[in-house]
Amino acid sequence: MVTEGLRRWFVVHFAVDMLFGIPLLIAPHWILSLFGWQTIDPFMARLVGAALMGIGIESYLGRNAGVEAFRGMLNLKVIWSLTATLGTGYTLLVGDAPAMGWLVVAMFAVFHGLWLYYRVQLGRLQTV
């Protein structure tokens, strides 16, 4: 059974992904300069924007799906949020990005914890 709380988090995730994905896709120089980036690769920024939008839109479209669909979506979200946290965190540690990037790392880390929690919960349902 998929909880109402998880369904709501999928809608929140959609909103957050759109908040960052749309500007990265449409105006990468503008949005990244707000965060202190001076060297901007619009190709990669737009690729990240597209990934955020794809995952976010699927969160919204799949918010009323069954357990199996949520299990697959959560697997994707756990993998994406973990690798994004590790990759962006490492970049900041070696000094290749502005300190404001820690906000991005923190958001990915929070979502990773949330998705991992719900994925473990769904895994327990499967074994019951």
Protein backbone atom coordinates (compact mmCIF):
# COMPACT_ATOMS: atom_id res chain seq x y z
CA MET A 1 0.00 0.00 0.00
CA VAL A 2 1.34 3.44 -0.94
CA THR A 3 0.84 6.04 1.78
CA GLU A 4 -0.78 9.39 1.15
CA GLY A 5 2.36 11.00 2.56
CA LEU A 6 4.53 9.44 -0.15
CA ARG A 7 2.08 10.55 -2.82
CA ARG A 8 2.28 14.11 -1.46
CA TRP A 9 6.09 13.99 -1.46
CA PHE A 10 5.96 13.06 -5.14
CA VAL A 11 3.98 16.25 -5.81
CA VAL A 12 6.44 18.31 -3.74
CA HIS A 13 9.29 16.73 -5.68
CA PHE A 14 7.58 17.67 -8.94
CA ALA A 15 7.35 21.31 -7.79
CA VAL A 16 11.00 21.48 -6.68
CA ASP A 17 12.23 19.84 -9.88
CA MET A 18 10.22 22.28 -11.99
CA LEU A 19 11.48 25.23 -9.92
CA PHE A 20 15.07 24.36 -10.83
CA GLY A 21 14.64 22.38 -14.05
CA ILE A 22 12.76 24.97 -16.09
CA PRO A 23 15.27 27.80 -15.51
CA LEU A 24 18.20 25.45 -16.16
CA LEU A 25 16.62 24.40 -19.44
CA ILE A 26 15.56 27.87 -20.58
CA ALA A 27 18.06 30.29 -19.02
CA PRO A 28 21.06 28.44 -17.57
CA HIS A 29 23.33 31.52 -17.46
CA TRP A 30 20.76 33.54 -15.56
CA ILE A 31 19.89 30.90 -12.92
CA LEU A 32 23.45 29.70 -12.32
CA SER A 33 24.82 33.23 -12.04
CA LEU A 34 22.30 33.80 -9.22
CA PHE A 35 24.04 30.98 -7.35
CA GLY A 36 27.50 32.40 -7.99
CA TRP A 37 28.67 30.29 -10.91
CA GLN A 38 31.02 32.22 -13.16
CA THR A 39 31.89 29.46 -15.61
CA ILE A 40 28.71 28.02 -17.08
CA ASP A 41 28.34 25.19 -19.55
CA PRO A 42 24.84 25.66 -20.99
CA PHE A 43 24.90 22.21 -22.60
CA MET A 44 25.39 20.41 -19.27
CA ALA A 45 23.09 22.80 -17.40
CA ARG A 46 20.30 22.11 -19.87
CA LEU A 47 20.95 18.38 -19.63
CA VAL A 48 20.55 18.56 -15.84
CA GLY A 49 17.43 20.69 -16.30
CA ALA A 50 15.98 18.08 -18.63
CA ALA A 51 16.77 15.29 -16.15
CA LEU A 52 15.13 17.22 -13.30
CA MET A 53 12.07 17.89 -15.43
CA GLY A 54 11.81 14.27 -16.57
CA ILE A 55 12.03 12.88 -13.05
CA GLY A 56 9.79 15.61 -11.64
CA ILE A 57 7.08 15.23 -14.26
CA GLU A 58 7.09 11.46 -13.79
CA SER A 59 6.68 12.08 -10.05
CA TYR A 60 3.54 14.06 -10.79
CA LEU A 61 2.17 11.70 -13.43
CA GLY A 62 2.85 8.63 -11.27
CA ARG A 63 1.57 10.02 -7.98
CA ASN A 64 -1.58 7.88 -8.12
CA ALA A 65 0.09 4.67 -9.31
CA GLY A 66 0.26 1.35 -7.50
CA VAL A 67 2.99 -0.15 -5.35
CA GLU A 68 4.99 -1.67 -8.20
CA ALA A 69 5.21 1.62 -10.09
CA PHE A 70 6.25 3.43 -6.91
CA ARG A 71 8.91 0.81 -6.23
CA GLY A 72 10.46 1.45 -9.65
CA MET A 73 10.20 5.21 -9.35
CA LEU A 74 11.75 5.11 -5.88
CA ASN A 75 14.62 2.97 -7.14
CA LEU A 76 15.36 5.64 -9.75
CA LYS A 77 15.05 8.46 -7.21
CA VAL A 78 17.33 6.72 -4.68
CA ILE A 79 20.03 6.15 -7.31
CA TRP A 80 19.74 9.65 -8.84
CA SER A 81 19.73 11.49 -5.51
CA LEU A 82 22.66 9.49 -4.11
CA THR A 83 24.87 9.93 -7.17
CA ALA A 84 23.90 13.61 -7.45
CA THR A 85 24.76 14.16 -3.77
CA LEU A 86 28.12 12.41 -4.12
CA GLY A 87 29.02 14.07 -7.42
CA THR A 88 28.06 17.61 -6.47
CA GLY A 89 29.54 17.20 -2.99
CA TYR A 90 32.87 16.06 -4.41
CA THR A 91 32.90 18.97 -6.85
CA LEU A 92 32.46 21.41 -3.98
CA LEU A 93 35.12 19.71 -1.88
CA VAL A 94 37.73 20.10 -4.61
CA GLY A 95 36.75 23.76 -4.96
CA ASP A 96 35.28 23.81 -8.45
CA ALA A 97 31.96 25.46 -7.60
CA PRO A 98 30.59 28.33 -5.50
CA ALA A 99 29.75 27.71 -1.85
CA MET A 100 26.05 28.24 -2.65
CA GLY A 101 26.29 24.83 -4.30
CA TRP A 102 26.06 23.28 -0.82
CA LEU A 103 22.35 24.14 -0.96
CA VAL A 104 22.07 21.88 -4.01
CA VAL A 105 23.99 19.12 -2.22
CA ALA A 106 21.74 19.49 0.84
CA MET A 107 18.56 19.27 -1.24
CA PHE A 108 19.74 16.13 -3.01
CA ALA A 109 20.81 14.61 0.31
CA VAL A 110 17.45 15.37 1.97
CA PHE A 111 15.55 13.89 -0.95
CA HIS A 112 17.86 10.87 -0.91
CA GLY A 113 17.06 10.22 2.75
CA LEU A 114 13.36 10.63 2.08
CA TRP A 115 13.33 8.32 -0.95
CA LEU A 116 15.47 5.72 0.79
CA TYR A 117 13.12 5.72 3.79
CA TYR A 118 10.06 5.15 1.61
CA ARG A 119 11.84 2.55 -0.54
CA VAL A 120 12.74 0.55 2.57
CA GLN A 121 9.11 0.82 3.70
CA LEU A 122 7.87 -0.53 0.36
CA GLY A 123 10.46 -3.31 0.56
CA ARG A 124 9.03 -4.35 3.92
CA LEU A 125 5.56 -4.50 2.41
CA GLN A 126 6.84 -6.91 -0.23
CA THR A 127 8.18 -9.32 2.40
CA VAL A 128 5.01 -9.27 4.54
